[in-house]
Amino acid sequence: MSNLHIIVLIKQVPEIEKVRFDLQTGRLDRSSAGAETNPFDLNALEAAVQLKEKIGATVTAVSMGPKAAESSLRDAIARGADRAILLTDKRFAGADTLATSYTLASAIKKLGKFDLVICGEKTVDGDTAQVGPEVAELLNIPHVAYVEEILNADQDGIIVKSRTERNYYTIRLRYPCLITVTKDVNTPRLPTLKDKIRCRRAEVTVWNADSLLDVADKSLFGAQGSPTRVIEVYAPTAERRRGVILRGDPEEAARKILEVLKQAGVI
């Protein structure tokens, strides 16, 4: 029986506390701050490595970004990934979540057979939580979002506990499928010094736009394939509000408060 093939989607993000926003382009100025692996993606990677240790699997980490994102993929290898693929090309630049999802889904198709795709719940720079579900739709496979616990997994499928706003669900999926995990699913391990040294020599496969043309339409890459447009970016203005202090008889004060609330349309 062959091992499972688990694909983990990883993104290198700017240090969100330091990054600046370009008001003219409506995009983050990623050169204005250092970079790190998206924290939620570390949970996704840890989930994959735990499955690898439990039932046997090959873990492939895939990332789309600039050449510098290779450092996040090397870190993924240090944490237990077996293979790393970087999608980098100027033609991928300016992608919204749809174009990003299309590019990642195309790379997964090019990889061939896979069983499970694991993504972090969201990224700290975009905070949309859209890419995971969009990749699943583009691959035409079932998916479950907001997974807080992986209850069981075998060679046929996986059982997960998913959180919604008001409820929890226990769901079984057959492979191939995709899940997005929250930070509650595990605590990511730290790579050892030996692992860090080993990952320096590891090979990171690099694919550009031309590498995907046998499975993708290049017009759907990057800004060209992005229907989302930032119309305007501005800082909200803070209006100064007047406060009123009511003194004296409590009942009279209560009547005045009710009158103010009625005038404001609150009640």
Protein backbone atom coordinates (compact mmCIF):
# COMPACT_ATOMS: atom_id res chain seq x y z
CA MET A 1 0.00 0.00 0.00
CA SER A 2 1.49 3.33 -1.08
CA ASN A 3 1.81 6.31 1.23
CA LEU A 4 -0.62 9.16 1.06
CA HIS A 5 0.43 12.30 -0.79
CA ILE A 6 -0.35 15.38 1.29
CA ILE A 7 0.11 18.86 -0.17
CA VAL A 8 0.46 21.85 2.14
CA LEU A 9 -0.04 25.37 0.80
CA ILE A 10 2.31 27.88 2.40
CA LYS A 11 2.61 31.64 2.03
CA GLN A 12 5.41 33.94 3.05
CA VAL A 13 3.88 37.11 4.50
CA PRO A 14 5.31 40.46 5.62
CA GLU A 15 5.69 41.19 9.31
CA ILE A 16 2.24 42.67 9.61
CA GLU A 17 3.07 45.08 12.45
CA LYS A 18 5.77 46.79 10.34
CA VAL A 19 4.54 46.65 6.76
CA ARG A 20 3.39 49.81 4.96
CA PHE A 21 0.49 50.21 2.55
CA ASP A 22 0.94 51.77 -0.89
CA LEU A 23 -1.98 54.18 -1.22
CA GLN A 24 -1.44 54.63 -4.97
CA THR A 25 -1.53 50.95 -5.96
CA GLY A 26 -3.81 49.75 -3.17
CA ARG A 27 -1.34 46.98 -2.32
CA LEU A 28 0.94 46.12 0.57
CA ASP A 29 4.49 47.36 0.13
CA ARG A 30 6.13 44.04 0.94
CA SER A 31 9.60 45.54 0.69
CA SER A 32 8.88 47.78 3.68
CA ALA A 33 9.13 44.97 6.25
CA GLY A 34 10.74 41.62 6.90
CA ALA A 35 9.05 38.36 5.96
CA GLU A 36 7.91 35.26 7.82
CA THR A 37 5.87 32.14 7.15
CA ASN A 38 2.16 32.73 7.65
CA PRO A 39 1.50 31.44 11.20
CA PHE A 40 -1.67 29.55 10.21
CA ASP A 41 0.29 27.67 7.54
CA LEU A 42 2.65 26.35 10.19
CA ASN A 43 -0.37 24.65 11.78
CA ALA A 44 -1.26 23.17 8.39
CA LEU A 45 2.27 21.86 7.97
CA GLU A 46 2.33 20.40 11.47
CA ALA A 47 -0.98 18.61 10.78
CA ALA A 48 0.52 17.08 7.64
CA VAL A 49 3.70 15.96 9.39
CA GLN A 50 1.71 14.40 12.24
CA LEU A 51 -0.30 12.39 9.68
CA LYS A 52 2.96 11.40 8.01
CA GLU A 53 4.25 10.07 11.32
CA LYS A 54 0.99 8.32 12.17
CA ILE A 55 -0.10 6.60 8.95
CA GLY A 56 2.68 7.25 6.45
CA ALA A 57 2.65 10.03 3.88
CA THR A 58 4.75 12.11 1.55
CA VAL A 59 4.41 15.81 2.31
CA THR A 60 4.86 18.40 -0.45
CA ALA A 61 4.94 22.10 0.46
CA VAL A 62 3.86 24.53 -2.28
CA SER A 63 4.18 28.31 -2.18
CA MET A 64 3.57 31.15 -4.64
CA GLY A 65 5.68 34.25 -4.20
CA PRO A 66 8.98 35.98 -4.94
CA LYS A 67 12.31 34.17 -4.92
CA ALA A 68 12.73 35.17 -1.28
CA ALA A 69 9.83 32.86 -0.37
CA GLU A 70 12.26 29.98 -0.81
CA SER A 71 13.32 30.54 2.80
CA SER A 72 9.82 29.64 4.03
CA LEU A 73 9.92 26.46 1.96
CA ARG A 74 13.31 25.50 3.38
CA ASP A 75 11.83 26.05 6.83
CA ALA A 76 8.97 23.72 5.83
CA ILE A 77 11.52 21.03 4.94
CA ALA A 78 13.22 21.56 8.31
CA ARG A 79 9.84 21.01 9.97
CA GLY A 80 9.18 17.73 8.15
CA ALA A 81 8.12 18.34 4.54
CA ASP A 82 9.67 15.95 2.01
CA ARG A 83 9.54 18.21 -1.04
CA ALA A 84 9.11 21.93 -1.73
CA ILE A 85 7.91 23.76 -4.83
CA LEU A 86 8.09 27.52 -5.36
CA LEU A 87 5.86 29.18 -7.94
CA THR A 88 7.58 32.41 -8.87
CA ASP A 89 7.20 34.63 -11.92
CA LYS A 90 6.49 38.31 -12.57
CA ARG A 91 3.38 37.11 -14.39
CA PHE A 92 2.00 35.89 -11.05
CA ALA A 93 2.33 39.37 -9.48
CA GLY A 94 -0.74 41.37 -8.48
CA ALA A 95 -2.92 38.29 -8.06
CA ASP A 96 -6.10 38.52 -6.03
CA THR A 97 -7.43 35.46 -4.18
CA LEU A 98 -9.02 34.02 -7.33
CA ALA A 99 -5.88 34.26 -9.47
CA THR A 100 -3.78 32.99 -6.56
CA SER A 101 -6.10 30.01 -6.10
CA TYR A 102 -6.04 29.30 -9.83
CA THR A 103 -2.23 29.27 -9.91
CA LEU A 104 -1.97 27.03 -6.84
CA ALA A 105 -4.65 24.66 -8.17
CA SER A 106 -2.78 24.47 -11.49
CA ALA A 107 0.41 23.51 -9.66
CA ILE A 108 -1.45 20.78 -7.77
CA LYS A 109 -2.80 19.43 -11.06
CA LYS A 110 0.73 19.38 -12.46
CA LEU A 111 1.94 17.41 -9.45
CA GLY A 112 -0.42 14.60 -10.38
CA LYS A 113 -1.96 12.22 -7.87
CA PHE A 114 -2.61 13.60 -4.41
CA ASP A 115 -4.84 12.61 -1.52
CA LEU A 116 -5.13 15.56 0.83
CA VAL A 117 -4.50 19.31 0.63
CA ILE A 118 -4.09 21.17 3.92
CA CYS A 119 -4.18 24.97 4.18
CA GLY A 120 -4.07 27.40 7.05
CA GLU A 121 -7.40 28.99 7.91
CA LYS A 122 -6.29 32.37 6.51
CA THR A 123 -3.25 34.59 6.03
CA VAL A 124 -2.40 37.47 8.32
CA ASP A 125 -1.82 39.87 5.42
CA GLY A 126 -5.05 39.25 3.49
CA ASP A 127 -7.31 37.78 6.19
CA THR A 128 -9.90 36.60 3.62
CA ALA A 129 -9.86 32.81 4.25
CA GLN A 130 -10.82 32.40 0.58
CA VAL A 131 -7.87 30.64 -1.04
CA GLY A 132 -8.34 27.19 0.50
CA PRO A 133 -12.01 26.80 -0.48
CA GLU A 134 -11.36 28.33 -3.92
CA VAL A 135 -8.55 25.84 -4.60
CA ALA A 136 -10.89 23.00 -3.66
CA GLU A 137 -13.57 24.29 -6.03
CA LEU A 138 -11.06 24.63 -8.86
CA LEU A 139 -9.90 21.05 -8.24
CA ASN A 140 -13.52 19.88 -7.93
CA ILE A 141 -12.89 18.13 -4.62
CA PRO A 142 -14.78 18.30 -1.29
CA HIS A 143 -13.46 20.57 1.43
CA VAL A 144 -14.07 21.47 5.05
CA ALA A 145 -13.00 24.81 6.54
CA TYR A 146 -12.17 25.81 10.13
CA VAL A 147 -10.95 22.38 11.22
CA GLU A 148 -10.02 22.46 14.91
CA GLU A 149 -9.19 18.79 15.33
CA ILE A 150 -8.26 15.84 13.16
CA LEU A 151 -10.03 12.97 14.89
CA ASN A 152 -8.82 10.11 12.71
CA ALA A 153 -7.23 9.38 9.35
CA ASP A 154 -6.42 6.27 7.37
CA GLN A 155 -5.58 5.35 3.79
CA ASP A 156 -9.16 5.99 2.63
CA GLY A 157 -10.22 9.22 4.28
CA ILE A 158 -10.10 11.62 7.20
CA ILE A 159 -12.47 12.53 10.05
CA VAL A 160 -12.33 16.12 11.29
CA LYS A 161 -14.03 18.40 13.78
CA SER A 162 -15.01 21.72 12.22
CA ARG A 163 -16.11 24.87 14.00
CA THR A 164 -18.72 27.29 12.73
CA GLU A 165 -19.98 30.43 14.44
CA ARG A 166 -22.44 28.54 16.65
CA ASN A 167 -21.78 24.82 16.22
CA TYR A 168 -19.24 22.05 15.83
CA TYR A 169 -19.50 19.37 13.17
CA THR A 170 -17.80 15.99 12.89
CA ILE A 171 -17.27 15.24 9.20
CA ARG A 172 -15.72 12.34 7.32
CA LEU A 173 -14.21 13.00 3.90
CA ARG A 174 -12.88 10.54 1.37
CA TYR A 175 -9.73 11.40 -0.56
CA PRO A 176 -8.98 13.48 -2.49
CA CYS A 177 -10.14 16.40 -0.36
CA LEU A 178 -9.00 19.69 1.17
CA ILE A 179 -9.19 21.05 4.70
CA THR A 180 -8.29 24.40 6.22
CA VAL A 181 -7.12 24.32 9.83
CA THR A 182 -7.29 26.83 12.66
CA LYS A 183 -4.53 27.58 15.15
CA ASP A 184 -6.30 25.33 17.69
CA VAL A 185 -5.58 22.18 15.67
CA ASN A 186 -2.04 21.77 17.07
CA THR A 187 1.11 23.48 18.27
CA PRO A 188 3.73 23.63 15.49
CA ARG A 189 7.05 22.03 16.37
CA LEU A 190 10.31 23.93 16.20
CA PRO A 191 13.00 22.56 13.88
CA THR A 192 16.15 21.27 15.51
CA LEU A 193 19.59 22.63 14.68
CA LYS A 194 20.25 19.45 12.70
CA ASP A 195 17.05 20.01 10.71
CA LYS A 196 18.01 23.62 9.99
CA ILE A 197 21.40 22.55 8.67
CA ARG A 198 19.83 19.77 6.59
CA CYS A 199 17.32 22.10 4.93
CA ARG A 200 20.11 24.36 3.63
CA ARG A 201 21.17 21.58 1.29
CA ALA A 202 17.64 20.59 0.33
CA GLU A 203 16.45 21.24 -3.21
CA VAL A 204 13.54 23.61 -3.78
CA THR A 205 11.91 23.04 -7.17
CA VAL A 206 11.08 26.31 -8.95
CA TRP A 207 8.24 26.58 -11.46
CA ASN A 208 7.43 29.69 -13.48
CA ALA A 209 4.31 30.48 -15.51
CA ASP A 210 5.58 28.51 -18.50
CA SER A 211 5.93 25.42 -16.29
CA LEU A 212 2.16 25.38 -15.79
CA LEU A 213 0.98 26.02 -19.35
CA ASP A 214 0.19 22.34 -19.94
CA VAL A 215 -2.50 22.55 -17.23
CA ALA A 216 -3.36 26.27 -17.07
CA ASP A 217 -4.43 29.33 -19.05
CA LYS A 218 -1.80 32.06 -18.66
CA SER A 219 -4.43 34.80 -19.03
CA LEU A 220 -5.77 33.77 -15.61
CA PHE A 221 -2.46 34.40 -13.81
CA GLY A 222 -1.56 37.46 -11.76
CA ALA A 223 -3.14 40.89 -12.16
CA GLN A 224 -4.45 39.98 -15.62
CA GLY A 225 -6.52 37.15 -14.16
CA SER A 226 -7.73 39.11 -11.13
CA PRO A 227 -11.27 40.52 -11.30
CA THR A 228 -10.83 42.33 -7.96
CA ARG A 229 -9.92 46.01 -8.19
CA VAL A 230 -9.03 48.40 -5.36
CA ILE A 231 -10.96 51.58 -6.19
CA GLU A 232 -9.72 53.78 -3.37
CA VAL A 233 -7.67 53.50 -0.20
CA TYR A 234 -8.09 56.10 2.54
CA ALA A 235 -7.94 56.55 6.28
CA PRO A 236 -11.36 57.00 7.94
CA THR A 237 -11.98 60.38 9.53
CA ALA A 238 -12.87 60.43 13.19
CA GLU A 239 -15.82 62.65 14.00
CA ARG A 240 -15.76 64.41 17.32
CA ARG A 241 -18.74 63.44 19.43
CA ARG A 242 -20.40 65.52 22.11
CA GLY A 243 -21.13 64.00 25.48
CA VAL A 244 -23.87 65.10 27.87
CA ILE A 245 -23.81 64.56 31.62
CA LEU A 246 -27.26 64.34 33.19
CA ARG A 247 -27.51 65.30 36.85
CA GLY A 248 -30.38 65.48 39.27
CA ASP A 249 -33.43 63.24 39.54
CA PRO A 250 -32.73 59.72 38.14
CA GLU A 251 -36.22 59.33 36.68
CA GLU A 252 -35.97 62.64 34.85
CA ALA A 253 -32.51 61.68 33.57
CA ALA A 254 -33.89 58.34 32.34
CA ARG A 255 -36.68 60.12 30.44
CA LYS A 256 -34.16 62.41 28.76
CA ILE A 257 -32.01 59.42 27.75
CA LEU A 258 -35.04 57.70 26.25
CA GLU A 259 -35.90 60.84 24.30
CA VAL A 260 -32.35 61.08 22.92
CA LEU A 261 -32.43 57.41 21.89
CA LYS A 262 -35.78 57.90 20.13
CA GLN A 263 -34.49 60.93 18.24
CA ALA A 264 -31.45 58.93 17.15
CA GLY A 265 -33.68 56.14 15.88
CA VAL A 266 -32.18 53.60 18.26
CA ILE A 267 -35.55 52.75 19.80
